[in-house]
N, C-alpha and C. Protein backbone atom coordinates (compact mmCIF):
# COMPACT_ATOMS: atom_id res chain seq x y z
N MET A 1 0.84 -1.20 0.00
CA MET A 1 0.00 0.00 0.00
C MET A 1 0.88 1.26 0.00
N THR A 2 0.54 2.20 -0.86
CA THR A 2 1.32 3.43 -0.98
C THR A 2 1.18 4.27 0.29
N LYS A 3 2.32 4.76 0.78
CA LYS A 3 2.31 5.57 2.01
C LYS A 3 2.52 7.04 1.66
N ILE A 4 1.48 7.83 1.92
CA ILE A 4 1.53 9.26 1.63
C ILE A 4 1.49 10.04 2.93
N ALA A 5 2.45 10.94 3.10
CA ALA A 5 2.49 11.83 4.26
C ALA A 5 2.01 13.22 3.82
N GLY A 6 1.67 14.04 4.80
CA GLY A 6 1.33 15.43 4.53
C GLY A 6 2.29 16.34 5.26
N ILE A 7 2.73 17.39 4.57
CA ILE A 7 3.58 18.40 5.21
C ILE A 7 2.92 19.76 5.01
N VAL A 8 2.53 20.40 6.11
CA VAL A 8 1.92 21.72 6.06
C VAL A 8 3.00 22.75 6.39
N LEU A 9 3.27 23.65 5.46
CA LEU A 9 4.29 24.68 5.67
C LEU A 9 3.64 25.88 6.35
N ALA A 10 3.97 26.09 7.63
CA ALA A 10 3.28 27.10 8.44
C ALA A 10 4.26 27.88 9.30
N ALA A 11 5.43 28.18 8.73
CA ALA A 11 6.48 28.84 9.52
C ALA A 11 6.69 30.30 9.14
N GLY A 12 6.02 30.77 8.09
CA GLY A 12 6.32 32.08 7.53
C GLY A 12 5.99 33.25 8.43
N ARG A 13 6.56 34.40 8.06
CA ARG A 13 6.45 35.59 8.91
C ARG A 13 5.27 36.50 8.55
N SER A 14 4.51 36.17 7.51
CA SER A 14 3.35 36.99 7.11
C SER A 14 3.73 38.45 6.93
N LEU A 15 4.85 38.69 6.27
CA LEU A 15 5.39 40.06 6.19
C LEU A 15 4.40 41.04 5.57
N ARG A 16 3.65 40.60 4.57
CA ARG A 16 2.72 41.52 3.90
C ARG A 16 1.42 41.68 4.67
N MET A 17 1.29 40.94 5.78
CA MET A 17 0.10 41.06 6.64
C MET A 17 0.46 41.72 7.97
N ALA A 18 1.74 42.00 8.19
CA ALA A 18 2.20 42.49 9.49
C ALA A 18 1.34 43.67 9.96
N PRO A 19 1.07 43.75 11.28
CA PRO A 19 1.59 42.89 12.36
C PRO A 19 0.76 41.62 12.59
N ARG A 20 -0.24 41.35 11.74
CA ARG A 20 -1.07 40.17 11.94
C ARG A 20 -0.39 38.93 11.36
N ASN A 21 -0.61 37.80 12.02
CA ASN A 21 -0.14 36.52 11.47
C ASN A 21 -1.32 35.87 10.74
N LYS A 22 -1.23 35.81 9.41
CA LYS A 22 -2.36 35.33 8.61
C LYS A 22 -2.78 33.91 9.00
N LEU A 23 -1.84 33.10 9.48
CA LEU A 23 -2.16 31.71 9.80
C LEU A 23 -3.02 31.60 11.05
N LEU A 24 -3.02 32.65 11.87
CA LEU A 24 -3.81 32.65 13.10
C LEU A 24 -5.12 33.41 12.96
N GLU A 25 -5.32 34.00 11.79
CA GLU A 25 -6.59 34.69 11.53
C GLU A 25 -7.71 33.65 11.44
N SER A 26 -8.90 34.05 11.82
CA SER A 26 -10.03 33.13 11.85
C SER A 26 -10.84 33.18 10.55
N ILE A 27 -11.08 32.01 9.98
CA ILE A 27 -11.96 31.87 8.81
C ILE A 27 -13.04 30.86 9.21
N GLY A 28 -14.28 31.26 9.14
CA GLY A 28 -15.35 30.35 9.53
C GLY A 28 -15.23 29.86 10.97
N GLY A 29 -14.67 30.72 11.83
CA GLY A 29 -14.56 30.37 13.25
C GLY A 29 -13.36 29.52 13.62
N GLU A 30 -12.45 29.31 12.66
CA GLU A 30 -11.28 28.47 12.91
C GLU A 30 -10.02 29.16 12.39
N PRO A 31 -8.89 29.03 13.11
CA PRO A 31 -7.65 29.60 12.58
C PRO A 31 -7.30 28.99 11.22
N VAL A 32 -6.77 29.80 10.33
CA VAL A 32 -6.42 29.36 8.97
C VAL A 32 -5.57 28.09 9.02
N VAL A 33 -4.52 28.08 9.84
CA VAL A 33 -3.59 26.95 9.86
C VAL A 33 -4.29 25.68 10.34
N ARG A 34 -5.25 25.82 11.24
CA ARG A 34 -5.97 24.63 11.72
C ARG A 34 -6.82 24.04 10.60
N ARG A 35 -7.46 24.92 9.82
CA ARG A 35 -8.27 24.44 8.69
C ARG A 35 -7.42 23.63 7.72
N VAL A 36 -6.23 24.16 7.40
CA VAL A 36 -5.35 23.49 6.43
C VAL A 36 -4.88 22.14 6.98
N ALA A 37 -4.48 22.11 8.25
CA ALA A 37 -4.01 20.86 8.85
C ALA A 37 -5.14 19.83 8.92
N ALA A 38 -6.34 20.28 9.26
CA ALA A 38 -7.49 19.36 9.34
C ALA A 38 -7.82 18.79 7.96
N THR A 39 -7.68 19.61 6.92
CA THR A 39 -7.91 19.13 5.55
C THR A 39 -6.88 18.08 5.17
N ALA A 40 -5.62 18.31 5.53
CA ALA A 40 -4.58 17.32 5.25
C ALA A 40 -4.90 15.99 5.93
N LEU A 41 -5.37 16.06 7.17
CA LEU A 41 -5.75 14.84 7.89
C LEU A 41 -6.93 14.15 7.21
N ALA A 42 -7.89 14.94 6.75
CA ALA A 42 -9.10 14.38 6.12
C ALA A 42 -8.78 13.68 4.80
N SER A 43 -7.63 13.99 4.21
CA SER A 43 -7.25 13.34 2.95
C SER A 43 -6.83 11.89 3.15
N GLY A 44 -6.52 11.54 4.40
CA GLY A 44 -6.03 10.20 4.70
C GLY A 44 -4.52 10.12 4.76
N ALA A 45 -3.83 11.21 4.44
CA ALA A 45 -2.36 11.22 4.52
C ALA A 45 -1.93 11.03 5.98
N ARG A 46 -0.89 10.22 6.19
CA ARG A 46 -0.34 10.00 7.53
C ARG A 46 1.14 9.70 7.44
N PRO A 47 1.96 10.27 8.30
CA PRO A 47 1.58 11.30 9.27
C PRO A 47 1.39 12.64 8.58
N VAL A 48 0.76 13.59 9.30
CA VAL A 48 0.70 14.97 8.83
C VAL A 48 1.62 15.79 9.74
N LEU A 49 2.62 16.40 9.13
CA LEU A 49 3.59 17.22 9.85
C LEU A 49 3.28 18.69 9.60
N VAL A 50 3.35 19.51 10.63
CA VAL A 50 3.18 20.95 10.47
C VAL A 50 4.49 21.62 10.86
N VAL A 51 5.08 22.31 9.89
CA VAL A 51 6.37 22.99 10.14
C VAL A 51 6.09 24.41 10.60
N MET A 52 6.62 24.74 11.79
CA MET A 52 6.34 26.03 12.42
C MET A 52 7.62 26.81 12.63
N GLY A 53 7.47 28.14 12.70
CA GLY A 53 8.63 28.99 12.97
C GLY A 53 8.18 30.28 13.62
N HIS A 54 7.66 31.22 12.81
CA HIS A 54 7.16 32.49 13.30
C HIS A 54 5.99 32.26 14.25
N GLU A 55 6.02 32.92 15.40
CA GLU A 55 4.95 32.79 16.42
C GLU A 55 4.61 31.32 16.67
N LEU A 56 5.64 30.56 16.89
CA LEU A 56 5.52 29.11 17.05
C LEU A 56 4.51 28.71 18.11
N ALA A 57 4.53 29.36 19.25
CA ALA A 57 3.62 28.97 20.34
C ALA A 57 2.16 29.18 19.94
N GLY A 58 1.88 30.28 19.25
CA GLY A 58 0.52 30.56 18.82
C GLY A 58 0.04 29.56 17.78
N VAL A 59 0.92 29.20 16.85
CA VAL A 59 0.55 28.22 15.81
C VAL A 59 0.31 26.85 16.46
N ALA A 60 1.19 26.47 17.39
CA ALA A 60 1.02 25.19 18.07
C ALA A 60 -0.31 25.16 18.83
N ALA A 61 -0.65 26.25 19.49
CA ALA A 61 -1.91 26.32 20.25
C ALA A 61 -3.12 26.19 19.31
N ALA A 62 -3.00 26.79 18.12
CA ALA A 62 -4.11 26.74 17.15
C ALA A 62 -4.35 25.32 16.64
N LEU A 63 -3.33 24.47 16.77
CA LEU A 63 -3.43 23.09 16.27
C LEU A 63 -3.79 22.09 17.38
N GLY A 64 -4.04 22.60 18.57
CA GLY A 64 -4.30 21.73 19.72
C GLY A 64 -5.39 20.71 19.46
N GLY A 65 -5.12 19.46 19.80
CA GLY A 65 -6.11 18.40 19.67
C GLY A 65 -6.11 17.70 18.32
N LEU A 66 -5.40 18.23 17.34
CA LEU A 66 -5.31 17.57 16.03
C LEU A 66 -4.19 16.53 16.05
N GLU A 67 -4.38 15.47 15.29
CA GLU A 67 -3.42 14.38 15.24
C GLU A 67 -2.28 14.72 14.27
N VAL A 68 -1.54 15.79 14.58
CA VAL A 68 -0.44 16.22 13.72
C VAL A 68 0.87 16.19 14.50
N THR A 69 1.96 16.09 13.76
CA THR A 69 3.30 16.15 14.35
C THR A 69 3.84 17.56 14.15
N LEU A 70 4.23 18.23 15.22
CA LEU A 70 4.75 19.59 15.13
C LEU A 70 6.26 19.56 14.92
N VAL A 71 6.70 20.30 13.91
CA VAL A 71 8.13 20.34 13.57
C VAL A 71 8.60 21.79 13.63
N ALA A 72 9.58 22.07 14.47
CA ALA A 72 10.10 23.44 14.58
C ALA A 72 11.17 23.68 13.52
N ASN A 73 11.09 24.86 12.90
CA ASN A 73 12.12 25.26 11.94
C ASN A 73 12.77 26.55 12.43
N PRO A 74 13.88 26.44 13.17
CA PRO A 74 14.52 27.64 13.70
C PRO A 74 15.07 28.56 12.62
N ALA A 75 15.26 28.04 11.39
CA ALA A 75 15.82 28.85 10.30
C ALA A 75 14.74 29.45 9.40
N TYR A 76 13.50 29.53 9.92
CA TYR A 76 12.37 29.93 9.06
C TYR A 76 12.57 31.28 8.38
N ALA A 77 13.32 32.19 9.02
CA ALA A 77 13.52 33.52 8.44
C ALA A 77 14.33 33.48 7.15
N ASP A 78 14.99 32.36 6.89
CA ASP A 78 15.80 32.22 5.67
C ASP A 78 14.99 31.75 4.47
N GLY A 79 13.68 31.59 4.65
CA GLY A 79 12.84 31.32 3.49
C GLY A 79 12.17 29.96 3.47
N LEU A 80 11.29 29.81 2.48
CA LEU A 80 10.43 28.64 2.35
C LEU A 80 11.20 27.33 2.25
N SER A 81 12.34 27.36 1.57
CA SER A 81 13.10 26.12 1.38
C SER A 81 13.51 25.50 2.70
N THR A 82 13.73 26.33 3.73
CA THR A 82 14.16 25.79 5.03
C THR A 82 13.03 25.00 5.68
N SER A 83 11.79 25.44 5.45
CA SER A 83 10.64 24.72 6.01
C SER A 83 10.43 23.40 5.27
N LEU A 84 10.64 23.44 3.96
CA LEU A 84 10.54 22.22 3.16
C LEU A 84 11.55 21.19 3.66
N ARG A 85 12.76 21.65 3.89
CA ARG A 85 13.82 20.74 4.37
C ARG A 85 13.50 20.21 5.76
N ALA A 86 12.98 21.08 6.63
CA ALA A 86 12.64 20.65 7.99
C ALA A 86 11.55 19.58 7.95
N GLY A 87 10.54 19.78 7.12
CA GLY A 87 9.45 18.82 7.02
C GLY A 87 9.90 17.49 6.45
N LEU A 88 10.63 17.54 5.36
CA LEU A 88 11.12 16.31 4.73
C LEU A 88 12.06 15.56 5.67
N GLY A 89 12.88 16.32 6.37
CA GLY A 89 13.85 15.70 7.28
C GLY A 89 13.21 15.01 8.47
N ALA A 90 11.95 15.38 8.77
CA ALA A 90 11.25 14.79 9.91
C ALA A 90 10.35 13.62 9.52
N LEU A 91 10.29 13.30 8.22
CA LEU A 91 9.44 12.19 7.78
C LEU A 91 10.00 10.86 8.26
N PRO A 92 9.13 9.94 8.62
CA PRO A 92 9.61 8.59 8.96
C PRO A 92 10.07 7.86 7.70
N ALA A 93 10.78 6.77 7.89
CA ALA A 93 11.23 5.96 6.75
C ALA A 93 10.04 5.31 6.07
N GLY A 94 10.21 4.99 4.79
CA GLY A 94 9.20 4.22 4.08
C GLY A 94 8.07 5.02 3.46
N ILE A 95 8.19 6.35 3.44
CA ILE A 95 7.16 7.19 2.83
C ILE A 95 7.37 7.22 1.31
N ASP A 96 6.29 7.01 0.55
CA ASP A 96 6.38 6.99 -0.91
C ASP A 96 6.17 8.36 -1.54
N GLY A 97 5.45 9.22 -0.83
CA GLY A 97 5.18 10.55 -1.37
C GLY A 97 4.75 11.50 -0.27
N ALA A 98 4.93 12.79 -0.52
CA ALA A 98 4.55 13.80 0.47
C ALA A 98 3.71 14.89 -0.18
N LEU A 99 2.54 15.12 0.38
CA LEU A 99 1.67 16.22 -0.03
C LEU A 99 2.20 17.50 0.61
N ILE A 100 2.67 18.43 -0.20
CA ILE A 100 3.20 19.68 0.34
C ILE A 100 2.08 20.72 0.30
N CYS A 101 1.56 21.04 1.49
CA CYS A 101 0.42 21.95 1.62
C CYS A 101 0.89 23.29 2.17
N LEU A 102 0.41 24.38 1.58
CA LEU A 102 0.77 25.71 2.07
C LEU A 102 -0.22 26.12 3.15
N GLY A 103 0.32 26.59 4.26
CA GLY A 103 -0.51 26.90 5.43
C GLY A 103 -1.49 28.03 5.23
N ASP A 104 -1.34 28.80 4.12
CA ASP A 104 -2.22 29.95 3.91
C ASP A 104 -3.23 29.72 2.79
N MET A 105 -3.60 28.43 2.56
CA MET A 105 -4.59 28.11 1.52
C MET A 105 -5.78 27.34 2.11
N PRO A 106 -6.60 28.02 2.94
CA PRO A 106 -7.66 27.32 3.66
C PRO A 106 -8.86 26.91 2.80
N GLN A 107 -8.93 27.37 1.55
CA GLN A 107 -10.09 27.02 0.72
C GLN A 107 -9.94 25.65 0.05
N VAL A 108 -8.71 25.15 -0.04
CA VAL A 108 -8.51 23.83 -0.64
C VAL A 108 -9.15 22.79 0.26
N ASP A 109 -10.04 21.96 -0.31
CA ASP A 109 -10.68 20.96 0.54
C ASP A 109 -10.11 19.57 0.30
N ALA A 110 -10.54 18.64 1.13
CA ALA A 110 -9.95 17.30 1.14
C ALA A 110 -10.15 16.58 -0.19
N SER A 111 -11.20 16.93 -0.94
CA SER A 111 -11.44 16.24 -2.21
C SER A 111 -10.29 16.47 -3.20
N VAL A 112 -9.68 17.65 -3.14
CA VAL A 112 -8.53 17.94 -4.01
C VAL A 112 -7.35 17.05 -3.62
N LEU A 113 -7.09 16.95 -2.32
CA LEU A 113 -5.97 16.13 -1.86
C LEU A 113 -6.21 14.66 -2.17
N LYS A 114 -7.44 14.21 -1.98
CA LYS A 114 -7.77 12.81 -2.27
C LYS A 114 -7.60 12.51 -3.75
N ALA A 115 -7.94 13.47 -4.61
CA ALA A 115 -7.77 13.28 -6.06
C ALA A 115 -6.29 13.15 -6.42
N LEU A 116 -5.45 13.95 -5.77
CA LEU A 116 -4.00 13.85 -6.01
C LEU A 116 -3.47 12.49 -5.57
N ILE A 117 -3.92 12.03 -4.41
CA ILE A 117 -3.48 10.73 -3.90
C ILE A 117 -3.95 9.61 -4.83
N ALA A 118 -5.18 9.73 -5.33
CA ALA A 118 -5.73 8.72 -6.24
C ALA A 118 -4.95 8.69 -7.56
N GLY A 119 -4.46 9.84 -7.99
CA GLY A 119 -3.73 9.92 -9.26
C GLY A 119 -2.26 9.57 -9.16
N PHE A 120 -1.76 9.47 -7.94
CA PHE A 120 -0.33 9.23 -7.69
C PHE A 120 0.02 7.79 -8.05
N THR A 121 1.09 7.62 -8.81
CA THR A 121 1.44 6.28 -9.31
C THR A 121 2.69 5.69 -8.67
N GLY A 122 3.32 6.42 -7.75
CA GLY A 122 4.50 5.86 -7.09
C GLY A 122 5.59 6.88 -6.88
N PRO A 123 6.73 6.46 -6.32
CA PRO A 123 7.78 7.39 -5.90
C PRO A 123 8.38 8.28 -6.98
N SER A 124 8.18 7.93 -8.26
CA SER A 124 8.71 8.77 -9.33
C SER A 124 7.70 9.80 -9.82
N ALA A 125 6.50 9.79 -9.28
CA ALA A 125 5.43 10.66 -9.76
C ALA A 125 5.43 12.01 -9.04
N ILE A 126 4.94 13.02 -9.77
CA ILE A 126 4.66 14.34 -9.20
C ILE A 126 3.23 14.66 -9.60
N ALA A 127 2.30 14.55 -8.65
CA ALA A 127 0.88 14.79 -8.95
C ALA A 127 0.54 16.25 -8.65
N VAL A 128 0.03 16.94 -9.68
CA VAL A 128 -0.27 18.36 -9.55
C VAL A 128 -1.75 18.61 -9.85
N PRO A 129 -2.40 19.51 -9.09
CA PRO A 129 -3.79 19.84 -9.39
C PRO A 129 -3.84 20.87 -10.51
N VAL A 130 -4.77 20.68 -11.44
CA VAL A 130 -4.89 21.58 -12.59
C VAL A 130 -6.34 22.04 -12.71
N HIS A 131 -6.52 23.35 -12.88
CA HIS A 131 -7.86 23.90 -13.10
C HIS A 131 -7.78 24.88 -14.26
N LEU A 132 -8.59 24.65 -15.28
CA LEU A 132 -8.60 25.49 -16.48
C LEU A 132 -7.19 25.67 -17.07
N GLY A 133 -6.43 24.57 -17.05
CA GLY A 133 -5.11 24.58 -17.68
C GLY A 133 -3.97 25.11 -16.84
N ARG A 134 -4.26 25.55 -15.63
CA ARG A 134 -3.21 26.11 -14.75
C ARG A 134 -2.93 25.15 -13.60
N ILE A 135 -1.64 25.02 -13.29
CA ILE A 135 -1.22 24.20 -12.15
C ILE A 135 -1.28 25.03 -10.88
N GLY A 136 -1.80 24.43 -9.80
CA GLY A 136 -1.87 25.13 -8.52
C GLY A 136 -1.21 24.32 -7.41
N ASN A 137 -1.66 24.54 -6.19
CA ASN A 137 -1.17 23.85 -5.00
C ASN A 137 -2.34 23.19 -4.28
N PRO A 138 -2.09 22.16 -3.48
CA PRO A 138 -0.80 21.55 -3.12
C PRO A 138 -0.29 20.59 -4.21
N VAL A 139 0.95 20.13 -4.02
CA VAL A 139 1.56 19.19 -4.95
C VAL A 139 1.98 17.95 -4.17
N LEU A 140 1.76 16.79 -4.77
CA LEU A 140 2.16 15.51 -4.16
C LEU A 140 3.44 15.04 -4.84
N TRP A 141 4.54 15.12 -4.10
CA TRP A 141 5.86 14.77 -4.62
C TRP A 141 6.25 13.35 -4.23
N GLY A 142 6.69 12.59 -5.21
CA GLY A 142 7.20 11.26 -4.94
C GLY A 142 8.53 11.32 -4.21
N SER A 143 8.83 10.27 -3.46
CA SER A 143 10.04 10.25 -2.62
C SER A 143 11.32 10.33 -3.44
N ARG A 144 11.26 9.99 -4.71
CA ARG A 144 12.44 10.09 -5.59
C ARG A 144 13.02 11.50 -5.58
N TYR A 145 12.19 12.51 -5.31
CA TYR A 145 12.62 13.91 -5.41
C TYR A 145 13.00 14.54 -4.07
N PHE A 146 12.87 13.76 -3.00
CA PHE A 146 13.13 14.34 -1.68
C PHE A 146 14.56 14.88 -1.56
N ALA A 147 15.53 14.14 -2.07
CA ALA A 147 16.93 14.58 -1.95
C ALA A 147 17.14 15.92 -2.67
N GLU A 148 16.56 16.04 -3.86
CA GLU A 148 16.68 17.30 -4.60
C GLU A 148 16.00 18.44 -3.85
N MET A 149 14.85 18.14 -3.28
CA MET A 149 14.12 19.17 -2.53
C MET A 149 14.91 19.61 -1.30
N MET A 150 15.62 18.67 -0.71
CA MET A 150 16.44 18.98 0.47
C MET A 150 17.62 19.89 0.12
N SER A 151 17.97 19.97 -1.17
CA SER A 151 19.11 20.79 -1.57
C SER A 151 18.71 22.21 -1.96
N LEU A 152 17.42 22.52 -1.93
CA LEU A 152 16.95 23.87 -2.27
C LEU A 152 17.37 24.86 -1.19
N THR A 153 17.60 26.10 -1.61
CA THR A 153 17.96 27.15 -0.65
C THR A 153 17.14 28.41 -0.97
N GLY A 154 17.08 29.31 0.02
CA GLY A 154 16.40 30.59 -0.18
C GLY A 154 14.90 30.50 -0.03
N ASP A 155 14.23 31.56 -0.48
CA ASP A 155 12.78 31.65 -0.30
C ASP A 155 12.05 31.08 -1.52
N VAL A 156 12.31 29.81 -1.80
CA VAL A 156 11.64 29.14 -2.92
C VAL A 156 11.11 27.79 -2.45
N GLY A 157 10.01 27.38 -3.09
CA GLY A 157 9.50 26.04 -2.86
C GLY A 157 10.08 25.11 -3.90
N ALA A 158 9.41 24.00 -4.13
CA ALA A 158 9.95 22.97 -5.03
C ALA A 158 9.50 23.15 -6.48
N LYS A 159 8.70 24.19 -6.77
CA LYS A 159 8.19 24.38 -8.13
C LYS A 159 9.29 24.35 -9.21
N PRO A 160 10.48 24.95 -8.96
CA PRO A 160 11.52 24.93 -10.00
C PRO A 160 11.90 23.51 -10.44
N LEU A 161 11.71 22.53 -9.56
CA LEU A 161 12.06 21.15 -9.90
C LEU A 161 11.10 20.56 -10.93
N MET A 162 9.92 21.13 -11.02
CA MET A 162 8.92 20.59 -11.96
C MET A 162 9.42 20.67 -13.40
N ALA A 163 10.06 21.79 -13.74
CA ALA A 163 10.55 21.96 -15.11
C ALA A 163 11.59 20.89 -15.44
N ARG A 164 12.35 20.50 -14.42
CA ARG A 164 13.41 19.50 -14.61
C ARG A 164 12.84 18.10 -14.79
N HIS A 165 11.63 17.88 -14.27
CA HIS A 165 11.07 16.52 -14.28
C HIS A 165 9.68 16.49 -14.91
N GLN A 166 9.49 17.30 -15.94
CA GLN A 166 8.17 17.43 -16.57
C GLN A 166 7.58 16.10 -17.03
N GLU A 167 8.47 15.20 -17.44
CA GLU A 167 7.96 13.93 -17.96
C GLU A 167 7.29 13.08 -16.89
N HIS A 168 7.49 13.44 -15.62
CA HIS A 168 6.90 12.67 -14.52
C HIS A 168 5.68 13.34 -13.90
N LEU A 169 5.29 14.52 -14.46
CA LEU A 169 4.12 15.22 -13.94
C LEU A 169 2.84 14.45 -14.26
N ILE A 170 2.00 14.30 -13.27
CA ILE A 170 0.67 13.74 -13.47
C ILE A 170 -0.33 14.87 -13.18
N GLU A 171 -1.00 15.35 -14.23
CA GLU A 171 -1.95 16.44 -14.06
C GLU A 171 -3.31 15.88 -13.64
N VAL A 172 -3.78 16.36 -12.51
CA VAL A 172 -5.06 15.91 -11.97
C VAL A 172 -6.05 17.07 -12.07
N ASP A 173 -7.03 16.93 -12.95
CA ASP A 173 -8.02 18.00 -13.12
C ASP A 173 -8.92 18.10 -11.90
N VAL A 174 -9.10 19.33 -11.42
CA VAL A 174 -10.01 19.58 -10.30
C VAL A 174 -10.98 20.68 -10.71
N ALA A 175 -12.15 20.67 -10.11
CA ALA A 175 -13.22 21.57 -10.52
C ALA A 175 -13.28 22.84 -9.68
N THR A 176 -12.15 23.24 -9.12
CA THR A 176 -12.15 24.39 -8.22
C THR A 176 -10.92 25.26 -8.42
N GLY A 177 -11.13 26.57 -8.31
CA GLY A 177 -10.01 27.50 -8.37
C GLY A 177 -9.34 27.72 -7.02
N SER A 178 -9.77 26.96 -6.00
CA SER A 178 -9.19 27.12 -4.66
C SER A 178 -7.69 26.81 -4.65
N ILE A 179 -7.23 26.07 -5.66
CA ILE A 179 -5.81 25.69 -5.72
C ILE A 179 -4.91 26.88 -6.03
N PHE A 180 -5.51 28.04 -6.31
CA PHE A 180 -4.74 29.26 -6.55
C PHE A 180 -4.93 30.29 -5.43
N ALA A 181 -5.85 30.02 -4.49
CA ALA A 181 -6.29 31.04 -3.54
C ALA A 181 -5.49 31.00 -2.24
N ASP A 182 -4.42 31.80 -2.19
CA ASP A 182 -3.66 31.91 -0.94
C ASP A 182 -3.91 33.27 -0.31
N ILE A 183 -3.32 33.48 0.85
CA ILE A 183 -3.49 34.75 1.57
C ILE A 183 -2.12 35.44 1.63
N ASP A 184 -2.01 36.56 0.93
CA ASP A 184 -0.76 37.32 0.96
C ASP A 184 -0.93 38.67 1.63
N VAL A 185 -2.05 39.32 1.32
CA VAL A 185 -2.29 40.69 1.82
C VAL A 185 -3.66 40.74 2.49
N PRO A 186 -3.95 41.79 3.27
CA PRO A 186 -5.23 41.87 3.97
C PRO A 186 -6.45 41.71 3.05
N ALA A 187 -6.37 42.18 1.81
CA ALA A 187 -7.51 42.06 0.88
C ALA A 187 -7.82 40.59 0.59
N ASP A 188 -6.78 39.74 0.53
CA ASP A 188 -7.01 38.31 0.31
C ASP A 188 -7.79 37.71 1.48
N LEU A 189 -7.40 38.10 2.67
CA LEU A 189 -8.08 37.58 3.87
C LEU A 189 -9.54 38.04 3.90
N ALA A 190 -9.76 39.32 3.56
CA ALA A 190 -11.12 39.85 3.56
C ALA A 190 -11.98 39.10 2.54
N ARG A 191 -11.39 38.78 1.38
CA ARG A 191 -12.13 38.06 0.35
C ARG A 191 -12.53 36.67 0.85
N LEU A 192 -11.59 35.98 1.52
CA LEU A 192 -11.88 34.65 2.04
C LEU A 192 -12.96 34.70 3.13
N LYS A 193 -12.91 35.72 3.96
CA LYS A 193 -13.90 35.85 5.03
C LYS A 193 -15.31 36.05 4.44
N ARG A 194 -15.37 36.64 3.24
CA ARG A 194 -16.67 36.86 2.60
C ARG A 194 -17.13 35.65 1.80
N SER A 195 -16.24 34.69 1.61
CA SER A 195 -16.56 33.54 0.77
C SER A 195 -17.49 32.58 1.48
N SER A 196 -17.80 31.49 0.82
CA SER A 196 -18.79 30.55 1.36
C SER A 196 -18.14 29.42 2.16
N LEU A 197 -16.98 29.67 2.72
CA LEU A 197 -16.35 28.64 3.55
C LEU A 197 -17.26 28.33 4.75
N PRO A 198 -17.47 27.06 5.04
CA PRO A 198 -18.34 26.70 6.19
C PRO A 198 -17.68 27.07 7.50
């Protein structure tokens, strides 16, 4: 049976939202980061790791009671790649793939993650959600790419690796634009608060 883990990247400083931490803002009565972690759990991925850095205690408190593994990233100020490395480095042995979820995308629901898992064909696969011809997030990376992802530096995710391994991309069509909807600035948060999130 294929073993899929989830990694929620939730260490960022929310610089464009300062002084507010977007991950602790409430959407539908729940902190953003809790919604994302709960969605990862609902996909069936195990374990689900949440990488924390900025306002670590507050993020940990927001996740209270969820069956997630908390991973501290003391180097979070050096960019997204450090959180990716922290999460991958904390995975147990024998994982075939990791769903990399961004902590500021609370509109993505479990059906998207389940579709990626269903489309995943093994450790050489990279399953990406596609809506109207555009690739979004999260992405399910096969374990074959973990070493390359661990070598990334700076404030970048693993997207640059996709161009290098295009022949292994599995495009999974989804019927929602939520795969593009992140929170960067206060207007994004206001838009999500007005949306139909339960």
